[in-house]
Amino acid sequence: MLKRIGLAILILLIVIVMATFTANNTGMVDIDLAFVEVHTSIPLAFTVTFALGWLFGILCLGFYALKLLNERRVLRRTLRMSESEVSSLRNLPLSDAD
């Protein structure tokens, strides 16, 4: 519950900062992307940059999560095999060391 409240406050804070930034910077900017030049407002340029950075972060986090899930799957399989081996070894009769 506390995480959700903290996340909501963080999102609200980001929205307030972006709205303040937008209200204070109404100018235009030229962005040269090497293959095309774009003439846009400063707030729109920052908003698009922020959104692309956020999406890139989510994409990277997704790949990391997939890596962890795969590692977890491999570890669970190894654990099952090890438990099976221990169980079969426990069921073997003890040999006398005459």
PDB file of N, CA and C in Angstrom:
ATOM      1  N   MET A   1       0.819  -1.189   0.000  1.00  0.00           N
ATOM      2  CA  MET A   1       0.000   0.000   0.000  1.00  0.00           C
ATOM      3  C   MET A   1       0.867   1.258   0.000  1.00  0.00           C
ATOM      4  N   LEU A   2       1.928   1.235   0.812  1.00  0.00           N
ATOM      5  CA  LEU A   2       2.808   2.393   0.912  1.00  0.00           C
ATOM      6  C   LEU A   2       3.550   2.624  -0.409  1.00  0.00           C
ATOM      7  N   LYS A   3       3.876   1.539  -1.118  1.00  0.00           N
ATOM      8  CA  LYS A   3       4.539   1.678  -2.419  1.00  0.00           C
ATOM      9  C   LYS A   3       3.638   2.389  -3.415  1.00  0.00           C
ATOM     10  N   ARG A   4       2.371   2.028  -3.418  1.00  0.00           N
ATOM     11  CA  ARG A   4       1.429   2.650  -4.357  1.00  0.00           C
ATOM     12  C   ARG A   4       1.265   4.141  -4.067  1.00  0.00           C
ATOM     13  N   ILE A   5       1.193   4.479  -2.808  1.00  0.00           N
ATOM     14  CA  ILE A   5       1.072   5.892  -2.439  1.00  0.00           C
ATOM     15  C   ILE A   5       2.331   6.653  -2.848  1.00  0.00           C
ATOM     16  N   GLY A   6       3.490   6.052  -2.595  1.00  0.00           N
ATOM     17  CA  GLY A   6       4.747   6.681  -2.993  1.00  0.00           C
ATOM     18  C   GLY A   6       4.844   6.849  -4.498  1.00  0.00           C
ATOM     19  N   LEU A   7       4.414   5.828  -5.253  1.00  0.00           N
ATOM     20  CA  LEU A   7       4.432   5.912  -6.713  1.00  0.00           C
ATOM     21  C   LEU A   7       3.470   6.989  -7.207  1.00  0.00           C
ATOM     22  N   ALA A   8       2.297   7.061  -6.611  1.00  0.00           N
ATOM     23  CA  ALA A   8       1.317   8.088  -6.999  1.00  0.00           C
ATOM     24  C   ALA A   8       1.860   9.485  -6.722  1.00  0.00           C
ATOM     25  N   ILE A   9       2.508   9.664  -5.571  1.00  0.00           N
ATOM     26  CA  ILE A   9       3.092  10.974  -5.242  1.00  0.00           C
ATOM     27  C   ILE A   9       4.210  11.312  -6.227  1.00  0.00           C
ATOM     28  N   LEU A  10       5.043  10.328  -6.576  1.00  0.00           N
ATOM     29  CA  LEU A  10       6.124  10.557  -7.535  1.00  0.00           C
ATOM     30  C   LEU A  10       5.586  10.950  -8.903  1.00  0.00           C
ATOM     31  N   ILE A  11       4.564  10.256  -9.367  1.00  0.00           N
ATOM     32  CA  ILE A  11       3.964  10.577 -10.670  1.00  0.00           C
ATOM     33  C   ILE A  11       3.341  11.972 -10.629  1.00  0.00           C
ATOM     34  N   LEU A  12       2.649  12.291  -9.549  1.00  0.00           N
ATOM     35  CA  LEU A  12       2.053  13.624  -9.409  1.00  0.00           C
ATOM     36  C   LEU A  12       3.125  14.704  -9.409  1.00  0.00           C
ATOM     37  N   LEU A  13       4.227  14.450  -8.714  1.00  0.00           N
ATOM     38  CA  LEU A  13       5.335  15.398  -8.677  1.00  0.00           C
ATOM     39  C   LEU A  13       5.934  15.602 -10.073  1.00  0.00           C
ATOM     40  N   ILE A  14       6.101  14.525 -10.831  1.00  0.00           N
ATOM     41  CA  ILE A  14       6.640  14.631 -12.197  1.00  0.00           C
ATOM     42  C   ILE A  14       5.693  15.437 -13.079  1.00  0.00           C
ATOM     43  N   VAL A  15       4.397  15.190 -12.953  1.00  0.00           N
ATOM     44  CA  VAL A  15       3.411  15.933 -13.757  1.00  0.00           C
ATOM     45  C   VAL A  15       3.451  17.415 -13.401  1.00  0.00           C
ATOM     46  N   ILE A  16       3.549  17.733 -12.121  1.00  0.00           N
ATOM     47  CA  ILE A  16       3.604  19.139 -11.698  1.00  0.00           C
ATOM     48  C   ILE A  16       4.858  19.819 -12.231  1.00  0.00           C
ATOM     49  N   VAL A  17       6.005  19.139 -12.145  1.00  0.00           N
ATOM     50  CA  VAL A  17       7.258  19.704 -12.650  1.00  0.00           C
ATOM     51  C   VAL A  17       7.170  19.927 -14.156  1.00  0.00           C
ATOM     52  N   MET A  18       6.614  18.940 -14.870  1.00  0.00           N
ATOM     53  CA  MET A  18       6.486  19.091 -16.326  1.00  0.00           C
ATOM     54  C   MET A  18       5.527  20.226 -16.692  1.00  0.00           C
ATOM     55  N   ALA A  19       4.428  20.375 -15.949  1.00  0.00           N
ATOM     56  CA  ALA A  19       3.481  21.457 -16.231  1.00  0.00           C
ATOM     57  C   ALA A  19       4.122  22.813 -15.956  1.00  0.00           C
ATOM     58  N   THR A  20       4.892  22.917 -14.874  1.00  0.00           N
ATOM     59  CA  THR A  20       5.592  24.164 -14.560  1.00  0.00           C
ATOM     60  C   THR A  20       6.628  24.478 -15.631  1.00  0.00           C
ATOM     61  N   PHE A  21       7.371  23.454 -16.053  1.00  0.00           N
ATOM     62  CA  PHE A  21       8.376  23.635 -17.095  1.00  0.00           C
ATOM     63  C   PHE A  21       7.725  24.096 -18.397  1.00  0.00           C
ATOM     64  N   THR A  22       6.589  23.489 -18.727  1.00  0.00           N
ATOM     65  CA  THR A  22       5.878  23.855 -19.953  1.00  0.00           C
ATOM     66  C   THR A  22       5.383  25.299 -19.898  1.00  0.00           C
ATOM     67  N   ALA A  23       4.870  25.710 -18.757  1.00  0.00           N
ATOM     68  CA  ALA A  23       4.345  27.071 -18.625  1.00  0.00           C
ATOM     69  C   ALA A  23       5.459  28.111 -18.694  1.00  0.00           C
ATOM     70  N   ASN A  24       6.650  27.778 -18.205  1.00  0.00           N
ATOM     71  CA  ASN A  24       7.750  28.751 -18.176  1.00  0.00           C
ATOM     72  C   ASN A  24       8.584  28.781 -19.453  1.00  0.00           C
ATOM     73  N   ASN A  25       8.523  27.744 -20.276  1.00  0.00           N
ATOM     74  CA  ASN A  25       9.338  27.678 -21.492  1.00  0.00           C
ATOM     75  C   ASN A  25       8.436  27.489 -22.705  1.00  0.00           C
ATOM     76  N   THR A  26       8.073  28.595 -23.297  1.00  0.00           N
ATOM     77  CA  THR A  26       7.163  28.536 -24.445  1.00  0.00           C
ATOM     78  C   THR A  26       7.898  28.714 -25.761  1.00  0.00           C
ATOM     79  N   GLY A  27       9.218  28.754 -25.736  1.00  0.00           N
ATOM     80  CA  GLY A  27       9.991  28.999 -26.945  1.00  0.00           C
ATOM     81  C   GLY A  27      10.071  27.796 -27.864  1.00  0.00           C
ATOM     82  N   MET A  28      10.674  28.027 -29.010  1.00  0.00           N
ATOM     83  CA  MET A  28      10.846  26.987 -30.018  1.00  0.00           C
ATOM     84  C   MET A  28      12.319  26.608 -30.092  1.00  0.00           C
ATOM     85  N   VAL A  29      12.582  25.402 -30.577  1.00  0.00           N
ATOM     86  CA  VAL A  29      13.942  24.909 -30.693  1.00  0.00           C
ATOM     87  C   VAL A  29      14.070  24.113 -31.986  1.00  0.00           C
ATOM     88  N   ASP A  30      15.253  24.179 -32.603  1.00  0.00           N
ATOM     89  CA  ASP A  30      15.548  23.370 -33.786  1.00  0.00           C
ATOM     90  C   ASP A  30      16.350  22.151 -33.346  1.00  0.00           C
ATOM     91  N   ILE A  31      15.884  20.979 -33.758  1.00  0.00           N
ATOM     92  CA  ILE A  31      16.568  19.731 -33.420  1.00  0.00           C
ATOM     93  C   ILE A  31      17.069  19.107 -34.711  1.00  0.00           C
ATOM     94  N   ASP A  32      18.394  18.935 -34.806  1.00  0.00           N
ATOM     95  CA  ASP A  32      19.008  18.336 -35.990  1.00  0.00           C
ATOM     96  C   ASP A  32      19.304  16.871 -35.695  1.00  0.00           C
ATOM     97  N   LEU A  33      18.601  15.969 -36.370  1.00  0.00           N
ATOM     98  CA  LEU A  33      18.761  14.535 -36.160  1.00  0.00           C
ATOM     99  C   LEU A  33      19.639  13.889 -37.237  1.00  0.00           C
ATOM    100  N   ALA A  34      20.472  14.646 -37.875  1.00  0.00           N
ATOM    101  CA  ALA A  34      21.420  14.217 -38.908  1.00  0.00           C
ATOM    102  C   ALA A  34      20.739  13.930 -40.235  1.00  0.00           C
ATOM    103  N   PHE A  35      19.555  13.361 -40.232  1.00  0.00           N
ATOM    104  CA  PHE A  35      18.864  13.080 -41.485  1.00  0.00           C
ATOM    105  C   PHE A  35      17.619  13.945 -41.676  1.00  0.00           C
ATOM    106  N   VAL A  36      17.209  14.628 -40.618  1.00  0.00           N
ATOM    107  CA  VAL A  36      16.068  15.535 -40.704  1.00  0.00           C
ATOM    108  C   VAL A  36      16.203  16.583 -39.600  1.00  0.00           C
ATOM    109  N   GLU A  37      15.720  17.782 -39.888  1.00  0.00           N
ATOM    110  CA  GLU A  37      15.733  18.838 -38.887  1.00  0.00           C
ATOM    111  C   GLU A  37      14.295  19.149 -38.493  1.00  0.00           C
ATOM    112  N   VAL A  38      14.056  19.200 -37.181  1.00  0.00           N
ATOM    113  CA  VAL A  38      12.707  19.393 -36.658  1.00  0.00           C
ATOM    114  C   VAL A  38      12.669  20.712 -35.895  1.00  0.00           C
ATOM    115  N   HIS A  39      11.639  21.501 -36.146  1.00  0.00           N
ATOM    116  CA  HIS A  39      11.416  22.752 -35.439  1.00  0.00           C
ATOM    117  C   HIS A  39      10.205  22.536 -34.533  1.00  0.00           C
ATOM    118  N   THR A  40      10.433  22.496 -33.220  1.00  0.00           N
ATOM    119  CA  THR A  40       9.359  22.175 -32.279  1.00  0.00           C
ATOM    120  C   THR A  40       9.492  23.018 -31.010  1.00  0.00           C
ATOM    121  N   SER A  41       8.494  22.923 -30.159  1.00  0.00           N
ATOM    122  CA  SER A  41       8.535  23.665 -28.893  1.00  0.00           C
ATOM    123  C   SER A  41       9.435  22.929 -27.904  1.00  0.00           C
ATOM    124  N   ILE A  42       9.990  23.670 -26.971  1.00  0.00           N
ATOM    125  CA  ILE A  42      10.894  23.095 -25.966  1.00  0.00           C
ATOM    126  C   ILE A  42      10.177  22.056 -25.090  1.00  0.00           C
ATOM    127  N   PRO A  43       8.981  22.343 -24.583  1.00  0.00           N
ATOM    128  CA  PRO A  43       8.316  21.328 -23.744  1.00  0.00           C
ATOM    129  C   PRO A  43       8.032  20.031 -24.488  1.00  0.00           C
ATOM    130  N   LEU A  44       7.631  20.126 -25.755  1.00  0.00           N
ATOM    131  CA  LEU A  44       7.367  18.927 -26.529  1.00  0.00           C
ATOM    132  C   LEU A  44       8.646  18.129 -26.737  1.00  0.00           C
ATOM    133  N   ALA A  45       9.737  18.813 -27.000  1.00  0.00           N
ATOM    134  CA  ALA A  45      11.017  18.126 -27.184  1.00  0.00           C
ATOM    135  C   ALA A  45      11.435  17.392 -25.908  1.00  0.00           C
ATOM    136  N   PHE A  46      11.294  18.044 -24.756  1.00  0.00           N
ATOM    137  CA  PHE A  46      11.643  17.400 -23.490  1.00  0.00           C
ATOM    138  C   PHE A  46      10.691  16.256 -23.147  1.00  0.00           C
ATOM    139  N   THR A  47       9.410  16.430 -23.452  1.00  0.00           N
ATOM    140  CA  THR A  47       8.429  15.379 -23.170  1.00  0.00           C
ATOM    141  C   THR A  47       8.704  14.139 -24.011  1.00  0.00           C
ATOM    142  N   VAL A  48       8.992  14.337 -25.281  1.00  0.00           N
ATOM    143  CA  VAL A  48       9.306  13.198 -26.155  1.00  0.00           C
ATOM    144  C   VAL A  48      10.590  12.523 -25.707  1.00  0.00           C
ATOM    145  N   THR A  49      11.593  13.314 -25.342  1.00  0.00           N
ATOM    146  CA  THR A  49      12.849  12.749 -24.855  1.00  0.00           C
ATOM    147  C   THR A  49      12.633  11.964 -23.575  1.00  0.00           C
ATOM    148  N   PHE A  50      11.840  12.499 -22.659  1.00  0.00           N
ATOM    149  CA  PHE A  50      11.522  11.815 -21.411  1.00  0.00           C
ATOM    150  C   PHE A  50      10.796  10.506 -21.687  1.00  0.00           C
ATOM    151  N   ALA A  51       9.809  10.539 -22.573  1.00  0.00           N
ATOM    152  CA  ALA A  51       9.028   9.333 -22.880  1.00  0.00           C
ATOM    153  C   ALA A  51       9.905   8.265 -23.540  1.00  0.00           C
ATOM    154  N   LEU A  52      10.770   8.675 -24.461  1.00  0.00           N
ATOM    155  CA  LEU A  52      11.659   7.703 -25.112  1.00  0.00           C
ATOM    156  C   LEU A  52      12.648   7.102 -24.119  1.00  0.00           C
ATOM    157  N   GLY A  53      13.152   7.912 -23.217  1.00  0.00           N
ATOM    158  CA  GLY A  53      14.044   7.399 -22.181  1.00  0.00           C
ATOM    159  C   GLY A  53      13.335   6.427 -21.257  1.00  0.00           C
ATOM    160  N   TRP A  54      12.099   6.742 -20.905  1.00  0.00           N
ATOM    161  CA  TRP A  54      11.304   5.868 -20.061  1.00  0.00           C
ATOM    162  C   TRP A  54      11.053   4.535 -20.767  1.00  0.00           C
ATOM    163  N   LEU A  55      10.671   4.588 -22.044  1.00  0.00           N
ATOM    164  CA  LEU A  55      10.437   3.354 -22.802  1.00  0.00           C
ATOM    165  C   LEU A  55      11.714   2.520 -22.929  1.00  0.00           C
ATOM    166  N   PHE A  56      12.840   3.184 -23.146  1.00  0.00           N
ATOM    167  CA  PHE A  56      14.114   2.469 -23.222  1.00  0.00           C
ATOM    168  C   PHE A  56      14.426   1.784 -21.891  1.00  0.00           C
ATOM    169  N   GLY A  57      14.162   2.469 -20.793  1.00  0.00           N
ATOM    170  CA  GLY A  57      14.378   1.883 -19.469  1.00  0.00           C
ATOM    171  C   GLY A  57      13.482   0.681 -19.234  1.00  0.00           C
ATOM    172  N   ILE A  58      12.218   0.778 -19.619  1.00  0.00           N
ATOM    173  CA  ILE A  58      11.285  -0.348 -19.477  1.00  0.00           C
ATOM    174  C   ILE A  58      11.733  -1.520 -20.340  1.00  0.00           C
ATOM    175  N   LEU A  59      12.200  -1.243 -21.536  1.00  0.00           N
ATOM    176  CA  LEU A  59      12.688  -2.300 -22.423  1.00  0.00           C
ATOM    177  C   LEU A  59      13.901  -3.005 -21.819  1.00  0.00           C
ATOM    178  N   CYS A  60      14.837  -2.245 -21.304  1.00  0.00           N
ATOM    179  CA  CYS A  60      16.019  -2.836 -20.661  1.00  0.00           C
ATOM    180  C   CYS A  60      15.621  -3.651 -19.439  1.00  0.00           C
ATOM    181  N   LEU A  61      14.705  -3.138 -18.645  1.00  0.00           N
ATOM    182  CA  LEU A  61      14.229  -3.858 -17.468  1.00  0.00           C
ATOM    183  C   LEU A  61      13.532  -5.153 -17.881  1.00  0.00           C
ATOM    184  N   GLY A  62      12.791  -5.111 -18.974  1.00  0.00           N
ATOM    185  CA  GLY A  62      12.116  -6.313 -19.470  1.00  0.00           C
ATOM    186  C   GLY A  62      13.101  -7.394 -19.870  1.00  0.00           C
ATOM    187  N   PHE A  63      14.169  -7.007 -20.571  1.00  0.00           N
ATOM    188  CA  PHE A  63      15.182  -7.993 -20.949  1.00  0.00           C
ATOM    189  C   PHE A  63      15.873  -8.567 -19.717  1.00  0.00           C
ATOM    190  N   TYR A  64      16.124  -7.736 -18.724  1.00  0.00           N
ATOM    191  CA  TYR A  64      16.749  -8.213 -17.490  1.00  0.00           C
ATOM    192  C   TYR A  64      15.819  -9.179 -16.758  1.00  0.00           C
ATOM    193  N   ALA A  65      14.521  -8.860 -16.729  1.00  0.00           N
ATOM    194  CA  ALA A  65      13.548  -9.733 -16.074  1.00  0.00           C
ATOM    195  C   ALA A  65      13.462 -11.077 -16.789  1.00  0.00           C
ATOM    196  N   LEU A  66      13.499 -11.061 -18.124  1.00  0.00           N
ATOM    197  CA  LEU A  66      13.481 -12.315 -18.883  1.00  0.00           C
ATOM    198  C   LEU A  66      14.721 -13.147 -18.584  1.00  0.00           C
ATOM    199  N   LYS A  67      15.860 -12.492 -18.459  1.00  0.00           N
ATOM    200  CA  LYS A  67      17.098 -13.196 -18.118  1.00  0.00           C
ATOM    201  C   LYS A  67      16.980 -13.852 -16.749  1.00  0.00           C
ATOM    202  N   LEU A  68      16.435 -13.121 -15.780  1.00  0.00           N
ATOM    203  CA  LEU A  68      16.259 -13.671 -14.438  1.00  0.00           C
ATOM    204  C   LEU A  68      15.263 -14.832 -14.430  1.00  0.00           C
ATOM    205  N   LEU A  69      14.186 -14.715 -15.196  1.00  0.00           N
ATOM    206  CA  LEU A  69      13.212 -15.804 -15.269  1.00  0.00           C
ATOM    207  C   LEU A  69      13.831 -17.055 -15.871  1.00  0.00           C
ATOM    208  N   ASN A  70      14.640 -16.884 -16.901  1.00  0.00           N
ATOM    209  CA  ASN A  70      15.304 -18.029 -17.513  1.00  0.00           C
ATOM    210  C   ASN A  70      16.271 -18.676 -16.528  1.00  0.00           C
ATOM    211  N   GLU A  71      17.035 -17.853 -15.805  1.00  0.00           N
ATOM    212  CA  GLU A  71      17.968 -18.381 -14.813  1.00  0.00           C
ATOM    213  C   GLU A  71      17.222 -19.120 -13.708  1.00  0.00           C
ATOM    214  N   ARG A  72      16.097 -18.592 -13.299  1.00  0.00           N
ATOM    215  CA  ARG A  72      15.270 -19.239 -12.275  1.00  0.00           C
ATOM    216  C   ARG A  72      14.761 -20.593 -12.762  1.00  0.00           C
ATOM    217  N   ARG A  73      14.335 -20.654 -14.025  1.00  0.00           N
ATOM    218  CA  ARG A  73      13.852 -21.904 -14.601  1.00  0.00           C
ATOM    219  C   ARG A  73      14.948 -22.958 -14.610  1.00  0.00           C
ATOM    220  N   VAL A  74      16.155 -22.565 -15.009  1.00  0.00           N
ATOM    221  CA  VAL A  74      17.290 -23.494 -15.050  1.00  0.00           C
ATOM    222  C   VAL A  74      17.632 -23.962 -13.632  1.00  0.00           C
ATOM    223  N   LEU A  75      17.637 -23.056 -12.669  1.00  0.00           N
ATOM    224  CA  LEU A  75      17.953 -23.427 -11.293  1.00  0.00           C
ATOM    225  C   LEU A  75      16.901 -24.369 -10.700  1.00  0.00           C
ATOM    226  N   ARG A  76      15.640 -24.138 -11.006  1.00  0.00           N
ATOM    227  CA  ARG A  76      14.591 -25.029 -10.512  1.00  0.00           C
ATOM    228  C   ARG A  76      14.745 -26.428 -11.107  1.00  0.00           C
ATOM    229  N   ARG A  77      15.072 -26.493 -12.394  1.00  0.00           N
ATOM    230  CA  ARG A  77      15.273 -27.791 -13.034  1.00  0.00           C
ATOM    231  C   ARG A  77      16.455 -28.517 -12.392  1.00  0.00           C
ATOM    232  N   THR A  78      17.540 -27.797 -12.147  1.00  0.00           N
ATOM    233  CA  THR A  78      18.716 -28.392 -11.504  1.00  0.00           C
ATOM    234  C   THR A  78      18.375 -28.863 -10.095  1.00  0.00           C
ATOM    235  N   LEU A  79      17.593 -28.081  -9.360  1.00  0.00           N
ATOM    236  CA  LEU A  79      17.183 -28.461  -8.011  1.00  0.00           C
ATOM    237  C   LEU A  79      16.349 -29.732  -8.038  1.00  0.00           C
ATOM    238  N   ARG A  80      15.394 -29.827  -8.972  1.00  0.00           N
ATOM    239  CA  ARG A  80      14.576 -31.033  -9.080  1.00  0.00           C
ATOM    240  C   ARG A  80      15.434 -32.260  -9.368  1.00  0.00           C
ATOM    241  N   MET A  81      16.409 -32.112 -10.259  1.00  0.00           N
ATOM    242  CA  MET A  81      17.288 -33.233 -10.584  1.00  0.00           C
ATOM    243  C   MET A  81      18.119 -33.627  -9.372  1.00  0.00           C
ATOM    244  N   SER A  82      18.624 -32.667  -8.633  1.00  0.00           N
ATOM    245  CA  SER A  82      19.429 -32.940  -7.449  1.00  0.00           C
ATOM    246  C   SER A  82      18.589 -33.621  -6.370  1.00  0.00           C
ATOM    247  N   GLU A  83      17.369 -33.130  -6.161  1.00  0.00           N
ATOM    248  CA  GLU A  83      16.484 -33.754  -5.174  1.00  0.00           C
ATOM    249  C   GLU A  83      16.143 -35.178  -5.568  1.00  0.00           C
ATOM    250  N   SER A  84      15.942 -35.408  -6.847  1.00  0.00           N
ATOM    251  CA  SER A  84      15.658 -36.758  -7.335  1.00  0.00           C
ATOM    252  C   SER A  84      16.850 -37.674  -7.097  1.00  0.00           C
ATOM    253  N   GLU A  85      18.035 -37.185  -7.353  1.00  0.00           N
ATOM    254  CA  GLU A  85      19.239 -37.981  -7.134  1.00  0.00           C
ATOM    255  C   GLU A  85      19.422 -38.300  -5.656  1.00  0.00           C
ATOM    256  N   VAL A  86      19.227 -37.332  -4.784  1.00  0.00           N
ATOM    257  CA  VAL A  86      19.349 -37.558  -3.339  1.00  0.00           C
ATOM    258  C   VAL A  86      18.309 -38.581  -2.886  1.00  0.00           C
ATOM    259  N   SER A  87      17.103 -38.475  -3.387  1.00  0.00           N
ATOM    260  CA  SER A  87      16.042 -39.412  -3.016  1.00  0.00           C
ATOM    261  C   SER A  87      16.391 -40.834  -3.455  1.00  0.00           C
ATOM    262  N   SER A  88      16.911 -40.974  -4.667  1.00  0.00           N
ATOM    263  CA  SER A  88      17.275 -42.311  -5.141  1.00  0.00           C
ATOM    264  C   SER A  88      18.465 -42.868  -4.358  1.00  0.00           C
ATOM    265  N   LEU A  89      19.395 -42.022  -3.962  1.00  0.00           N
ATOM    266  CA  LEU A  89      20.530 -42.487  -3.161  1.00  0.00           C
ATOM    267  C   LEU A  89      20.087 -42.906  -1.759  1.00  0.00           C
ATOM    268  N   ARG A  90      19.097 -42.253  -1.210  1.00  0.00           N
ATOM    269  CA  ARG A  90      18.594 -42.617   0.118  1.00  0.00           C
ATOM    270  C   ARG A  90      17.892 -43.973   0.092  1.00  0.00           C
ATOM    271  N   ASN A  91      17.321 -44.310  -1.032  1.00  0.00           N
ATOM    272  CA  ASN A  91      16.584 -45.572  -1.137  1.00  0.00           C
ATOM    273  C   ASN A  91      17.486 -46.768  -1.433  1.00  0.00           C
ATOM    274  N   LEU A  92      18.740 -46.548  -1.743  1.00  0.00           N
ATOM    275  CA  LEU A  92      19.662 -47.648  -1.994  1.00  0.00           C
ATOM    276  C   LEU A  92      19.964 -48.368  -0.670  1.00  0.00           C
ATOM    277  N   PRO A  93      20.075 -49.685  -0.729  1.00  0.00           N
ATOM    278  CA  PRO A  93      20.421 -50.409   0.500  1.00  0.00           C
ATOM    279  C   PRO A  93      21.879 -50.143   0.878  1.00  0.00           C
ATOM    280  N   LEU A  94      22.134 -50.135   2.174  1.00  0.00           N
ATOM    281  CA  LEU A  94      23.495 -49.929   2.652  1.00  0.00           C
ATOM    282  C   LEU A  94      24.280 -51.225   2.465  1.00  0.00           C
ATOM    283  N   SER A  95      25.473 -51.113   1.955  1.00  0.00           N
ATOM    284  CA  SER A  95      26.308 -52.303   1.798  1.00  0.00           C
ATOM    285  C   SER A  95      27.203 -52.432   3.018  1.00  0.00           C
ATOM    286  N   ASP A  96      27.366 -53.674   3.467  1.00  0.00           N
ATOM    287  CA  ASP A  96      28.217 -53.910   4.640  1.00  0.00           C
ATOM    288  C   ASP A  96      29.670 -53.786   4.253  1.00  0.00           C
ATOM    289  N   ALA A  97      30.453 -53.224   5.109  1.00  0.00           N
ATOM    290  CA  ALA A  97      31.874 -53.026   4.840  1.00  0.00           C
ATOM    291  C   ALA A  97      32.665 -54.126   5.552  1.00  0.00           C
ATOM    292  N   ASP A  98      32.357 -55.383   5.288  1.00  0.00           N
ATOM    293  CA  ASP A  98      33.017 -56.509   5.969  1.00  0.00           C
ATOM    294  C   ASP A  98      34.478 -56.490   5.767  1.00  0.00           C
TER     295      ASP A  98
END
